Structures are given as C-alpha cells and as structure tokens.
Amino acid sequence: EAVDEPEVAAVKGRAQMAGVIANAVLDRQRMPRVPVPVPSAQGR
C-alpha cells in the first residue's frame, strides 16, 4: 500500500527494470574463479 516518491516510482516503472531484475538473478549465479573447498564427512 505504500507509495514511492515520484522519482523512485518513475524509475521502477521503466521497461528497462526487466533487465535489471534479470541481472539481479544472474548475479546470484556467478561462479567463483578459484576452487571452492567442500568439507564433508567423506573428507575434504
């Protein structure tokens, strides 16, 4: 129910925000460039 300030609402309403959300998802899929250690009961 809350309403953003006009400047903020204008930015959030732009069509380019679809790409921003897609990039935000991609950001959570970025892989490390160094080996990732995985400790486990089977050994390191």
PDB file of all heavy atoms in Angstrom:
ATOM      1  N   GLU A   1       0.818  -1.207   0.000  1.00  0.00           N
ATOM      2  CA  GLU A   1       0.000   0.000   0.000  1.00  0.00           C
ATOM      3  C   GLU A   1       0.857   1.264   0.000  1.00  0.00           C
ATOM      4  O   GLU A   1       0.384   2.325  -0.391  1.00  0.00           O
ATOM      5  CB  GLU A   1      -0.933  -0.001   1.207  1.00  0.00           C
ATOM      6  CG  GLU A   1      -1.950  -1.148   1.175  1.00  0.00           C
ATOM      7  CD  GLU A   1      -2.848  -1.159   2.388  1.00  0.00           C
ATOM      8  OE1 GLU A   1      -2.480  -0.500   3.398  1.00  0.00           O
ATOM      9  OE2 GLU A   1      -3.906  -1.808   2.358  1.00  0.00           O
ATOM     10  N   ALA A   2       2.107   1.150   0.465  1.00  0.00           N
ATOM     11  CA  ALA A   2       2.991   2.309   0.496  1.00  0.00           C
ATOM     12  C   ALA A   2       3.283   2.772  -0.931  1.00  0.00           C
ATOM     13  O   ALA A   2       3.293   1.979  -1.872  1.00  0.00           O
ATOM     14  CB  ALA A   2       4.293   1.959   1.217  1.00  0.00           C
ATOM     15  N   VAL A   3       3.525   4.061  -1.075  1.00  0.00           N
ATOM     16  CA  VAL A   3       3.775   4.656  -2.389  1.00  0.00           C
ATOM     17  C   VAL A   3       5.151   5.292  -2.383  1.00  0.00           C
ATOM     18  O   VAL A   3       5.525   6.000  -1.440  1.00  0.00           O
ATOM     19  CB  VAL A   3       2.702   5.707  -2.726  1.00  0.00           C
ATOM     20  CG1 VAL A   3       2.995   6.354  -4.075  1.00  0.00           C
ATOM     21  CG2 VAL A   3       1.321   5.070  -2.730  1.00  0.00           C
ATOM     22  N   ASP A   4       5.924   5.047  -3.429  1.00  0.00           N
ATOM     23  CA  ASP A   4       7.249   5.635  -3.547  1.00  0.00           C
ATOM     24  C   ASP A   4       7.161   7.114  -3.890  1.00  0.00           C
ATOM     25  O   ASP A   4       6.145   7.603  -4.413  1.00  0.00           O
ATOM     26  CB  ASP A   4       8.041   4.927  -4.660  1.00  0.00           C
ATOM     27  CG  ASP A   4       8.584   3.583  -4.219  1.00  0.00           C
ATOM     28  OD1 ASP A   4       9.237   3.532  -3.165  1.00  0.00           O
ATOM     29  OD2 ASP A   4       8.347   2.591  -4.934  1.00  0.00           O
ATOM     30  N   GLU A   5       8.261   7.813  -3.632  1.00  0.00           N
ATOM     31  CA  GLU A   5       8.390   9.170  -4.131  1.00  0.00           C
ATOM     32  C   GLU A   5       8.326   9.133  -5.663  1.00  0.00           C
ATOM     33  O   GLU A   5       8.724   8.152  -6.281  1.00  0.00           O
ATOM     34  CB  GLU A   5       9.715   9.775  -3.679  1.00  0.00           C
ATOM     35  CG  GLU A   5       9.801  10.038  -2.178  1.00  0.00           C
ATOM     36  CD  GLU A   5       8.801  11.090  -1.726  1.00  0.00           C
ATOM     37  OE1 GLU A   5       8.554  12.042  -2.499  1.00  0.00           O
ATOM     38  OE2 GLU A   5       8.253  10.945  -0.611  1.00  0.00           O
ATOM     39  N   PRO A   6       7.803  10.202  -6.282  1.00  0.00           N
ATOM     40  CA  PRO A   6       7.616  10.178  -7.742  1.00  0.00           C
ATOM     41  C   PRO A   6       8.859   9.785  -8.532  1.00  0.00           C
ATOM     42  O   PRO A   6       8.760   9.015  -9.492  1.00  0.00           O
ATOM     43  CB  PRO A   6       7.176  11.617  -8.056  1.00  0.00           C
ATOM     44  CG  PRO A   6       6.489  12.068  -6.806  1.00  0.00           C
ATOM     45  CD  PRO A   6       7.248  11.433  -5.683  1.00  0.00           C
ATOM     46  N   GLU A   7      10.029  10.293  -8.137  1.00  0.00           N
ATOM     47  CA  GLU A   7      11.245   9.967  -8.885  1.00  0.00           C
ATOM     48  C   GLU A   7      11.551   8.476  -8.816  1.00  0.00           C
ATOM     49  O   GLU A   7      11.920   7.846  -9.821  1.00  0.00           O
ATOM     50  CB  GLU A   7      12.438  10.753  -8.337  1.00  0.00           C
ATOM     51  CG  GLU A   7      13.738  10.457  -9.078  1.00  0.00           C
ATOM     52  CD  GLU A   7      14.954  11.136  -8.455  1.00  0.00           C
ATOM     53  OE1 GLU A   7      14.793  11.806  -7.417  1.00  0.00           O
ATOM     54  OE2 GLU A   7      16.058  10.979  -9.001  1.00  0.00           O
ATOM     55  N   VAL A   8      11.361   7.895  -7.634  1.00  0.00           N
ATOM     56  CA  VAL A   8      11.636   6.469  -7.457  1.00  0.00           C
ATOM     57  C   VAL A   8      10.619   5.635  -8.233  1.00  0.00           C
ATOM     58  O   VAL A   8      10.965   4.664  -8.916  1.00  0.00           O
ATOM     59  CB  VAL A   8      11.620   6.107  -5.964  1.00  0.00           C
ATOM     60  CG1 VAL A   8      11.818   4.597  -5.781  1.00  0.00           C
ATOM     61  CG2 VAL A   8      12.704   6.882  -5.218  1.00  0.00           C
ATOM     62  N   ALA A   9       9.331   6.017  -8.135  1.00  0.00           N
ATOM     63  CA  ALA A   9       8.290   5.283  -8.858  1.00  0.00           C
ATOM     64  C   ALA A   9       8.524   5.331 -10.359  1.00  0.00           C
ATOM     65  O   ALA A   9       8.297   4.347 -11.072  1.00  0.00           O
ATOM     66  CB  ALA A   9       6.916   5.854  -8.512  1.00  0.00           C
ATOM     67  N   ALA A  10       9.000   6.479 -10.851  1.00  0.00           N
ATOM     68  CA  ALA A  10       9.253   6.610 -12.285  1.00  0.00           C
ATOM     69  C   ALA A  10      10.354   5.655 -12.733  1.00  0.00           C
ATOM     70  O   ALA A  10      10.253   5.023 -13.791  1.00  0.00           O
ATOM     71  CB  ALA A  10       9.623   8.052 -12.616  1.00  0.00           C
ATOM     72  N   VAL A  11      11.401   5.523 -11.940  1.00  0.00           N
ATOM     73  CA  VAL A  11      12.498   4.618 -12.302  1.00  0.00           C
ATOM     74  C   VAL A  11      12.020   3.169 -12.248  1.00  0.00           C
ATOM     75  O   VAL A  11      12.275   2.375 -13.157  1.00  0.00           O
ATOM     76  CB  VAL A  11      13.710   4.836 -11.383  1.00  0.00           C
ATOM     77  CG1 VAL A  11      14.791   3.787 -11.664  1.00  0.00           C
ATOM     78  CG2 VAL A  11      14.282   6.231 -11.568  1.00  0.00           C
ATOM     79  N   LYS A  12      11.334   2.801 -11.180  1.00  0.00           N
ATOM     80  CA  LYS A  12      10.871   1.416 -11.036  1.00  0.00           C
ATOM     81  C   LYS A  12       9.881   1.023 -12.123  1.00  0.00           C
ATOM     82  O   LYS A  12       9.767  -0.163 -12.468  1.00  0.00           O
ATOM     83  CB  LYS A  12      10.230   1.218  -9.667  1.00  0.00           C
ATOM     84  CG  LYS A  12      11.217   1.234  -8.515  1.00  0.00           C
ATOM     85  CD  LYS A  12      10.498   0.984  -7.194  1.00  0.00           C
ATOM     86  CE  LYS A  12      11.479   0.975  -6.024  1.00  0.00           C
ATOM     87  NZ  LYS A  12      10.773   0.766  -4.727  1.00  0.00           N
ATOM     88  N   GLY A  13       9.168   1.997 -12.660  1.00  0.00           N
ATOM     89  CA  GLY A  13       8.177   1.676 -13.684  1.00  0.00           C
ATOM     90  C   GLY A  13       8.729   1.514 -15.076  1.00  0.00           C
ATOM     91  O   GLY A  13       8.025   1.038 -15.969  1.00  0.00           O
ATOM     92  N   ARG A  14       9.994   1.868 -15.295  1.00  0.00           N
ATOM     93  CA  ARG A  14      10.567   1.783 -16.636  1.00  0.00           C
ATOM     94  C   ARG A  14      10.672   0.341 -17.127  1.00  0.00           C
ATOM     95  O   ARG A  14      10.945  -0.573 -16.353  1.00  0.00           O
ATOM     96  CB  ARG A  14      11.967   2.399 -16.640  1.00  0.00           C
ATOM     97  CG  ARG A  14      12.005   3.890 -16.432  1.00  0.00           C
ATOM     98  CD  ARG A  14      13.445   4.356 -16.438  1.00  0.00           C
ATOM     99  NE  ARG A  14      13.565   5.799 -16.279  1.00  0.00           N
ATOM    100  CZ  ARG A  14      14.720   6.443 -16.250  1.00  0.00           C
ATOM    101  NH1 ARG A  14      15.857   5.761 -16.374  1.00  0.00           N
ATOM    102  NH2 ARG A  14      14.751   7.746 -16.100  1.00  0.00           N
ATOM    103  N   ALA A  15      10.541   0.177 -18.428  1.00  0.00           N
ATOM    104  CA  ALA A  15      10.655  -1.159 -19.011  1.00  0.00           C
ATOM    105  C   ALA A  15      12.043  -1.747 -18.794  1.00  0.00           C
ATOM    106  O   ALA A  15      12.194  -2.974 -18.686  1.00  0.00           O
ATOM    107  CB  ALA A  15      10.319  -1.106 -20.498  1.00  0.00           C
ATOM    108  N   GLN A  16      13.083  -0.906 -18.713  1.00  0.00           N
ATOM    109  CA  GLN A  16      14.431  -1.420 -18.547  1.00  0.00           C
ATOM    110  C   GLN A  16      14.631  -2.119 -17.204  1.00  0.00           C
ATOM    111  O   GLN A  16      15.610  -2.840 -17.021  1.00  0.00           O
ATOM    112  CB  GLN A  16      15.450  -0.295 -18.700  1.00  0.00           C
ATOM    113  CG  GLN A  16      15.545   0.659 -17.524  1.00  0.00           C
ATOM    114  CD  GLN A  16      16.482   1.812 -17.782  1.00  0.00           C
ATOM    115  OE1 GLN A  16      16.028   2.877 -18.206  1.00  0.00           O
ATOM    116  NE2 GLN A  16      17.777   1.620 -17.558  1.00  0.00           N
ATOM    117  N   MET A  17      13.690  -1.938 -16.264  1.00  0.00           N
ATOM    118  CA  MET A  17      13.813  -2.627 -14.985  1.00  0.00           C
ATOM    119  C   MET A  17      13.671  -4.142 -15.148  1.00  0.00           C
ATOM    120  O   MET A  17      14.119  -4.901 -14.288  1.00  0.00           O
ATOM    121  CB  MET A  17      12.791  -2.102 -13.987  1.00  0.00           C
ATOM    122  CG  MET A  17      13.086  -0.708 -13.465  1.00  0.00           C
ATOM    123  SD  MET A  17      14.683  -0.576 -12.612  1.00  0.00           S
ATOM    124  CE  MET A  17      14.388  -1.600 -11.157  1.00  0.00           C
ATOM    125  N   ALA A  18      13.061  -4.597 -16.242  1.00  0.00           N
ATOM    126  CA  ALA A  18      13.019  -6.043 -16.503  1.00  0.00           C
ATOM    127  C   ALA A  18      14.434  -6.579 -16.655  1.00  0.00           C
ATOM    128  O   ALA A  18      14.773  -7.661 -16.140  1.00  0.00           O
ATOM    129  CB  ALA A  18      12.195  -6.333 -17.753  1.00  0.00           C
ATOM    130  N   GLY A  19      15.293  -5.832 -17.342  1.00  0.00           N
ATOM    131  CA  GLY A  19      16.691  -6.238 -17.469  1.00  0.00           C
ATOM    132  C   GLY A  19      17.434  -6.154 -16.158  1.00  0.00           C
ATOM    133  O   GLY A  19      18.321  -6.978 -15.879  1.00  0.00           O
ATOM    134  N   VAL A  20      17.081  -5.177 -15.335  1.00  0.00           N
ATOM    135  CA  VAL A  20      17.718  -5.058 -14.017  1.00  0.00           C
ATOM    136  C   VAL A  20      17.412  -6.283 -13.170  1.00  0.00           C
ATOM    137  O   VAL A  20      18.300  -6.845 -12.507  1.00  0.00           O
ATOM    138  CB  VAL A  20      17.247  -3.766 -13.319  1.00  0.00           C
ATOM    139  CG1 VAL A  20      17.751  -3.718 -11.872  1.00  0.00           C
ATOM    140  CG2 VAL A  20      17.729  -2.541 -14.088  1.00  0.00           C
ATOM    141  N   ILE A  21      16.156  -6.722 -13.171  1.00  0.00           N
ATOM    142  CA  ILE A  21      15.790  -7.911 -12.389  1.00  0.00           C
ATOM    143  C   ILE A  21      16.488  -9.147 -12.951  1.00  0.00           C
ATOM    144  O   ILE A  21      16.973 -10.004 -12.194  1.00  0.00           O
ATOM    145  CB  ILE A  21      14.264  -8.103 -12.378  1.00  0.00           C
ATOM    146  CG1 ILE A  21      13.573  -6.892 -11.722  1.00  0.00           C
ATOM    147  CG2 ILE A  21      13.884  -9.376 -11.653  1.00  0.00           C
ATOM    148  CD1 ILE A  21      13.979  -6.651 -10.284  1.00  0.00           C
ATOM    149  N   ALA A  22      16.573  -9.262 -14.275  1.00  0.00           N
ATOM    150  CA  ALA A  22      17.280 -10.398 -14.877  1.00  0.00           C
ATOM    151  C   ALA A  22      18.748 -10.396 -14.463  1.00  0.00           C
ATOM    152  O   ALA A  22      19.329 -11.449 -14.145  1.00  0.00           O
ATOM    153  CB  ALA A  22      17.153 -10.353 -16.399  1.00  0.00           C
ATOM    154  N   ASN A  23      19.368  -9.222 -14.432  1.00  0.00           N
ATOM    155  CA  ASN A  23      20.760  -9.134 -13.985  1.00  0.00           C
ATOM    156  C   ASN A  23      20.903  -9.494 -12.511  1.00  0.00           C
ATOM    157  O   ASN A  23      21.916 -10.076 -12.099  1.00  0.00           O
ATOM    158  CB  ASN A  23      21.297  -7.726 -14.228  1.00  0.00           C
ATOM    159  CG  ASN A  23      21.577  -7.448 -15.694  1.00  0.00           C
ATOM    160  OD1 ASN A  23      21.699  -8.377 -16.489  1.00  0.00           O
ATOM    161  ND2 ASN A  23      21.658  -6.182 -16.057  1.00  0.00           N
ATOM    162  N   ALA A  24      19.913  -9.129 -11.715  1.00  0.00           N
ATOM    163  CA  ALA A  24      19.963  -9.460 -10.288  1.00  0.00           C
ATOM    164  C   ALA A  24      19.937 -10.967 -10.081  1.00  0.00           C
ATOM    165  O   ALA A  24      20.611 -11.501  -9.182  1.00  0.00           O
ATOM    166  CB  ALA A  24      18.797  -8.802  -9.559  1.00  0.00           C
ATOM    167  N   VAL A  25      19.168 -11.676 -10.912  1.00  0.00           N
ATOM    168  CA  VAL A  25      19.160 -13.142 -10.837  1.00  0.00           C
ATOM    169  C   VAL A  25      20.506 -13.689 -11.297  1.00  0.00           C
ATOM    170  O   VAL A  25      21.088 -14.590 -10.664  1.00  0.00           O
ATOM    171  CB  VAL A  25      18.012 -13.723 -11.685  1.00  0.00           C
ATOM    172  CG1 VAL A  25      18.077 -15.247 -11.710  1.00  0.00           C
ATOM    173  CG2 VAL A  25      16.660 -13.266 -11.145  1.00  0.00           C
ATOM    174  N   LEU A  26      21.028 -13.158 -12.384  1.00  0.00           N
ATOM    175  CA  LEU A  26      22.324 -13.603 -12.895  1.00  0.00           C
ATOM    176  C   LEU A  26      23.424 -13.400 -11.856  1.00  0.00           C
ATOM    177  O   LEU A  26      24.345 -14.218 -11.734  1.00  0.00           O
ATOM    178  CB  LEU A  26      22.651 -12.840 -14.181  1.00  0.00           C
ATOM    179  CG  LEU A  26      23.954 -13.212 -14.896  1.00  0.00           C
ATOM    180  CD1 LEU A  26      23.907 -14.663 -15.358  1.00  0.00           C
ATOM    181  CD2 LEU A  26      24.187 -12.276 -16.077  1.00  0.00           C
ATOM    182  N   ASP A  27      23.312 -12.313 -11.108  1.00  0.00           N
ATOM    183  CA  ASP A  27      24.308 -12.029 -10.069  1.00  0.00           C
ATOM    184  C   ASP A  27      24.379 -13.150  -9.045  1.00  0.00           C
ATOM    185  O   ASP A  27      25.445 -13.414  -8.474  1.00  0.00           O
ATOM    186  CB  ASP A  27      23.950 -10.703  -9.397  1.00  0.00           C
ATOM    187  CG  ASP A  27      25.005 -10.256  -8.402  1.00  0.00           C
ATOM    188  OD1 ASP A  27      26.201 -10.498  -8.647  1.00  0.00           O
ATOM    189  OD2 ASP A  27      24.626  -9.675  -7.367  1.00  0.00           O
ATOM    190  N   ARG A  28      23.247 -13.819  -8.809  1.00  0.00           N
ATOM    191  CA  ARG A  28      23.217 -14.900  -7.818  1.00  0.00           C
ATOM    192  C   ARG A  28      23.673 -16.225  -8.403  1.00  0.00           C
ATOM    193  O   ARG A  28      23.690 -17.242  -7.703  1.00  0.00           O
ATOM    194  CB  ARG A  28      21.802 -15.045  -7.224  1.00  0.00           C
ATOM    195  CG  ARG A  28      21.195 -13.742  -6.739  1.00  0.00           C
ATOM    196  CD  ARG A  28      22.084 -12.973  -5.755  1.00  0.00           C
ATOM    197  NE  ARG A  28      22.127 -13.610  -4.463  1.00  0.00           N
ATOM    198  CZ  ARG A  28      21.264 -13.350  -3.468  1.00  0.00           C
ATOM    199  NH1 ARG A  28      20.312 -12.447  -3.641  1.00  0.00           N
ATOM    200  NH2 ARG A  28      21.362 -13.974  -2.318  1.00  0.00           N
ATOM    201  N   GLN A  29      24.029 -16.233  -9.696  1.00  0.00           N
ATOM    202  CA  GLN A  29      24.519 -17.447 -10.356  1.00  0.00           C
ATOM    203  C   GLN A  29      25.980 -17.320 -10.781  1.00  0.00           C
ATOM    204  O   GLN A  29      26.491 -18.166 -11.506  1.00  0.00           O
ATOM    205  CB  GLN A  29      23.653 -17.735 -11.594  1.00  0.00           C
ATOM    206  CG  GLN A  29      22.181 -17.955 -11.309  1.00  0.00           C
ATOM    207  CD  GLN A  29      21.344 -18.055 -12.574  1.00  0.00           C
ATOM    208  OE1 GLN A  29      21.848 -17.891 -13.684  1.00  0.00           O
ATOM    209  NE2 GLN A  29      20.055 -18.318 -12.409  1.00  0.00           N
ATOM    210  N   ARG A  30      26.640 -16.260 -10.348  1.00  0.00           N
ATOM    211  CA  ARG A  30      28.044 -16.066 -10.733  1.00  0.00           C
ATOM    212  C   ARG A  30      28.928 -17.059  -9.993  1.00  0.00           C
ATOM    213  O   ARG A  30      28.826 -17.221  -8.777  1.00  0.00           O
ATOM    214  CB  ARG A  30      28.484 -14.638 -10.439  1.00  0.00           C
ATOM    215  CG  ARG A  30      27.878 -13.637 -11.409  1.00  0.00           C
ATOM    216  CD  ARG A  30      28.620 -12.315 -11.371  1.00  0.00           C
ATOM    217  NE  ARG A  30      28.368 -11.576 -10.151  1.00  0.00           N
ATOM    218  CZ  ARG A  30      28.991 -10.442  -9.839  1.00  0.00           C
ATOM    219  NH1 ARG A  30      29.913  -9.949 -10.660  1.00  0.00           N
ATOM    220  NH2 ARG A  30      28.714  -9.812  -8.714  1.00  0.00           N
ATOM    221  N   MET A  31      29.786 -17.723 -10.751  1.00  0.00           N
ATOM    222  CA  MET A  31      30.630 -18.769 -10.199  1.00  0.00           C
ATOM    223  C   MET A  31      32.003 -18.212  -9.780  1.00  0.00           C
ATOM    224  O   MET A  31      32.555 -17.354 -10.461  1.00  0.00           O
ATOM    225  CB  MET A  31      30.833 -19.886 -11.230  1.00  0.00           C
ATOM    226  CG  MET A  31      29.557 -20.611 -11.611  1.00  0.00           C
ATOM    227  SD  MET A  31      28.809 -21.507 -10.222  1.00  0.00           S
ATOM    228  CE  MET A  31      27.300 -20.534  -9.972  1.00  0.00           C
ATOM    229  N   PRO A  32      32.559 -18.722  -8.665  1.00  0.00           N
ATOM    230  CA  PRO A  32      33.897 -18.277  -8.238  1.00  0.00           C
ATOM    231  C   PRO A  32      34.966 -18.640  -9.277  1.00  0.00           C
ATOM    232  O   PRO A  32      34.842 -19.634  -9.998  1.00  0.00           O
ATOM    233  CB  PRO A  32      34.121 -19.056  -6.934  1.00  0.00           C
ATOM    234  CG  PRO A  32      32.759 -19.464  -6.482  1.00  0.00           C
ATOM    235  CD  PRO A  32      31.948 -19.656  -7.724  1.00  0.00           C
ATOM    236  N   ARG A  33      36.001 -17.827  -9.331  1.00  0.00           N
ATOM    237  CA  ARG A  33      37.101 -18.079 -10.261  1.00  0.00           C
ATOM    238  C   ARG A  33      38.255 -18.835  -9.595  1.00  0.00           C
ATOM    239  O   ARG A  33      39.314 -19.009 -10.201  1.00  0.00           O
ATOM    240  CB  ARG A  33      37.608 -16.753 -10.824  1.00  0.00           C
ATOM    241  CG  ARG A  33      36.556 -16.025 -11.650  1.00  0.00           C
ATOM    242  CD  ARG A  33      37.106 -14.729 -12.216  1.00  0.00           C
ATOM    243  NE  ARG A  33      36.093 -14.031 -13.004  1.00  0.00           N
ATOM    244  CZ  ARG A  33      36.293 -12.864 -13.609  1.00  0.00           C
ATOM    245  NH1 ARG A  33      37.496 -12.271 -13.510  1.00  0.00           N
ATOM    246  NH2 ARG A  33      35.330 -12.288 -14.294  1.00  0.00           N
ATOM    247  N   VAL A  34      38.040 -19.245  -8.375  1.00  0.00           N
ATOM    248  CA  VAL A  34      39.045 -20.036  -7.644  1.00  0.00           C
ATOM    249  C   VAL A  34      38.360 -21.305  -7.157  1.00  0.00           C
ATOM    250  O   VAL A  34      37.133 -21.355  -7.034  1.00  0.00           O
ATOM    251  CB  VAL A  34      39.625 -19.239  -6.462  1.00  0.00           C
ATOM    252  CG1 VAL A  34      40.377 -18.018  -6.951  1.00  0.00           C
ATOM    253  CG2 VAL A  34      38.511 -18.830  -5.487  1.00  0.00           C
ATOM    254  N   PRO A  35      39.114 -22.362  -6.886  1.00  0.00           N
ATOM    255  CA  PRO A  35      38.494 -23.599  -6.388  1.00  0.00           C
ATOM    256  C   PRO A  35      37.712 -23.358  -5.105  1.00  0.00           C
ATOM    257  O   PRO A  35      38.098 -22.543  -4.255  1.00  0.00           O
ATOM    258  CB  PRO A  35      39.694 -24.526  -6.165  1.00  0.00           C
ATOM    259  CG  PRO A  35      40.752 -23.998  -7.081  1.00  0.00           C
ATOM    260  CD  PRO A  35      40.572 -22.511  -7.096  1.00  0.00           C
ATOM    261  N   VAL A  36      36.607 -24.086  -4.964  1.00  0.00           N
ATOM    262  CA  VAL A  36      35.751 -23.970  -3.785  1.00  0.00           C
ATOM    263  C   VAL A  36      35.945 -25.214  -2.922  1.00  0.00           C
ATOM    264  O   VAL A  36      35.629 -26.337  -3.357  1.00  0.00           O
ATOM    265  CB  VAL A  36      34.266 -23.847  -4.186  1.00  0.00           C
ATOM    266  CG1 VAL A  36      33.372 -23.855  -2.946  1.00  0.00           C
ATOM    267  CG2 VAL A  36      34.037 -22.582  -5.006  1.00  0.00           C
ATOM    268  N   PRO A  37      36.493 -25.072  -1.716  1.00  0.00           N
ATOM    269  CA  PRO A  37      36.642 -26.235  -0.834  1.00  0.00           C
ATOM    270  C   PRO A  37      35.288 -26.676  -0.301  1.00  0.00           C
ATOM    271  O   PRO A  37      34.424 -25.846   0.017  1.00  0.00           O
ATOM    272  CB  PRO A  37      37.538 -25.714   0.286  1.00  0.00           C
ATOM    273  CG  PRO A  37      37.304 -24.241   0.304  1.00  0.00           C
ATOM    274  CD  PRO A  37      37.022 -23.837  -1.111  1.00  0.00           C
ATOM    275  N   VAL A  38      35.098 -27.996  -0.211  1.00  0.00           N
ATOM    276  CA  VAL A  38      33.848 -28.556   0.300  1.00  0.00           C
ATOM    277  C   VAL A  38      34.194 -29.545   1.408  1.00  0.00           C
ATOM    278  O   VAL A  38      34.509 -30.717   1.137  1.00  0.00           O
ATOM    279  CB  VAL A  38      33.041 -29.254  -0.820  1.00  0.00           C
ATOM    280  CG1 VAL A  38      31.738 -29.809  -0.265  1.00  0.00           C
ATOM    281  CG2 VAL A  38      32.772 -28.293  -1.978  1.00  0.00           C
ATOM    282  N   PRO A  39      34.134 -29.101   2.656  1.00  0.00           N
ATOM    283  CA  PRO A  39      34.369 -30.050   3.750  1.00  0.00           C
ATOM    284  C   PRO A  39      33.186 -30.995   3.877  1.00  0.00           C
ATOM    285  O   PRO A  39      32.036 -30.604   3.711  1.00  0.00           O
ATOM    286  CB  PRO A  39      34.500 -29.133   4.969  1.00  0.00           C
ATOM    287  CG  PRO A  39      33.736 -27.907   4.607  1.00  0.00           C
ATOM    288  CD  PRO A  39      33.878 -27.738   3.130  1.00  0.00           C
ATOM    289  N   SER A  40      33.481 -32.268   4.150  1.00  0.00           N
ATOM    290  CA  SER A  40      32.400 -33.235   4.284  1.00  0.00           C
ATOM    291  C   SER A  40      32.855 -34.385   5.166  1.00  0.00           C
ATOM    292  O   SER A  40      34.050 -34.524   5.479  1.00  0.00           O
ATOM    293  CB  SER A  40      31.986 -33.778   2.905  1.00  0.00           C
ATOM    294  OG  SER A  40      32.937 -34.713   2.427  1.00  0.00           O
ATOM    295  N   ALA A  41      31.928 -35.219   5.537  1.00  0.00           N
ATOM    296  CA  ALA A  41      32.253 -36.405   6.325  1.00  0.00           C
ATOM    297  C   ALA A  41      33.088 -37.386   5.519  1.00  0.00           C
ATOM    298  O   ALA A  41      33.728 -38.280   6.084  1.00  0.00           O
ATOM    299  CB  ALA A  41      30.973 -37.076   6.802  1.00  0.00           C
ATOM    300  N   GLN A  42      33.072 -37.232   4.186  1.00  0.00           N
ATOM    301  CA  GLN A  42      33.860 -38.093   3.315  1.00  0.00           C
ATOM    302  C   GLN A  42      35.302 -37.589   3.165  1.00  0.00           C
ATOM    303  O   GLN A  42      36.086 -38.161   2.420  1.00  0.00           O
ATOM    304  CB  GLN A  42      33.206 -38.145   1.926  1.00  0.00           C
ATOM    305  CG  GLN A  42      31.734 -38.477   1.932  1.00  0.00           C
ATOM    306  CD  GLN A  42      31.463 -39.930   2.226  1.00  0.00           C
ATOM    307  OE1 GLN A  42      32.326 -40.779   1.989  1.00  0.00           O
ATOM    308  NE2 GLN A  42      30.304 -40.232   2.771  1.00  0.00           N
ATOM    309  N   GLY A  43      35.586 -36.482   3.827  1.00  0.00           N
ATOM    310  CA  GLY A  43      36.889 -35.863   3.689  1.00  0.00           C
ATOM    311  C   GLY A  43      36.776 -34.552   2.934  1.00  0.00           C
ATOM    312  O   GLY A  43      35.699 -34.160   2.460  1.00  0.00           O
ATOM    313  N   ARG A  44      37.863 -33.858   2.812  1.00  0.00           N
ATOM    314  CA  ARG A  44      37.851 -32.562   2.140  1.00  0.00           C
ATOM    315  C   ARG A  44      37.785 -32.771   0.622  1.00  0.00           C
ATOM    316  O   ARG A  44      38.637 -33.434   0.033  1.00  0.00           O
ATOM    317  CB  ARG A  44      39.108 -31.770   2.510  1.00  0.00           C
ATOM    318  CG  ARG A  44      39.141 -30.360   1.913  1.00  0.00           C
ATOM    319  CD  ARG A  44      40.429 -29.652   2.337  1.00  0.00           C
ATOM    320  NE  ARG A  44      40.539 -28.334   1.727  1.00  0.00           N
ATOM    321  CZ  ARG A  44      39.995 -27.226   2.232  1.00  0.00           C
ATOM    322  NH1 ARG A  44      39.292 -27.295   3.362  1.00  0.00           N
ATOM    323  NH2 ARG A  44      40.150 -26.069   1.637  1.00  0.00           N
TER     324      ARG A  44
END
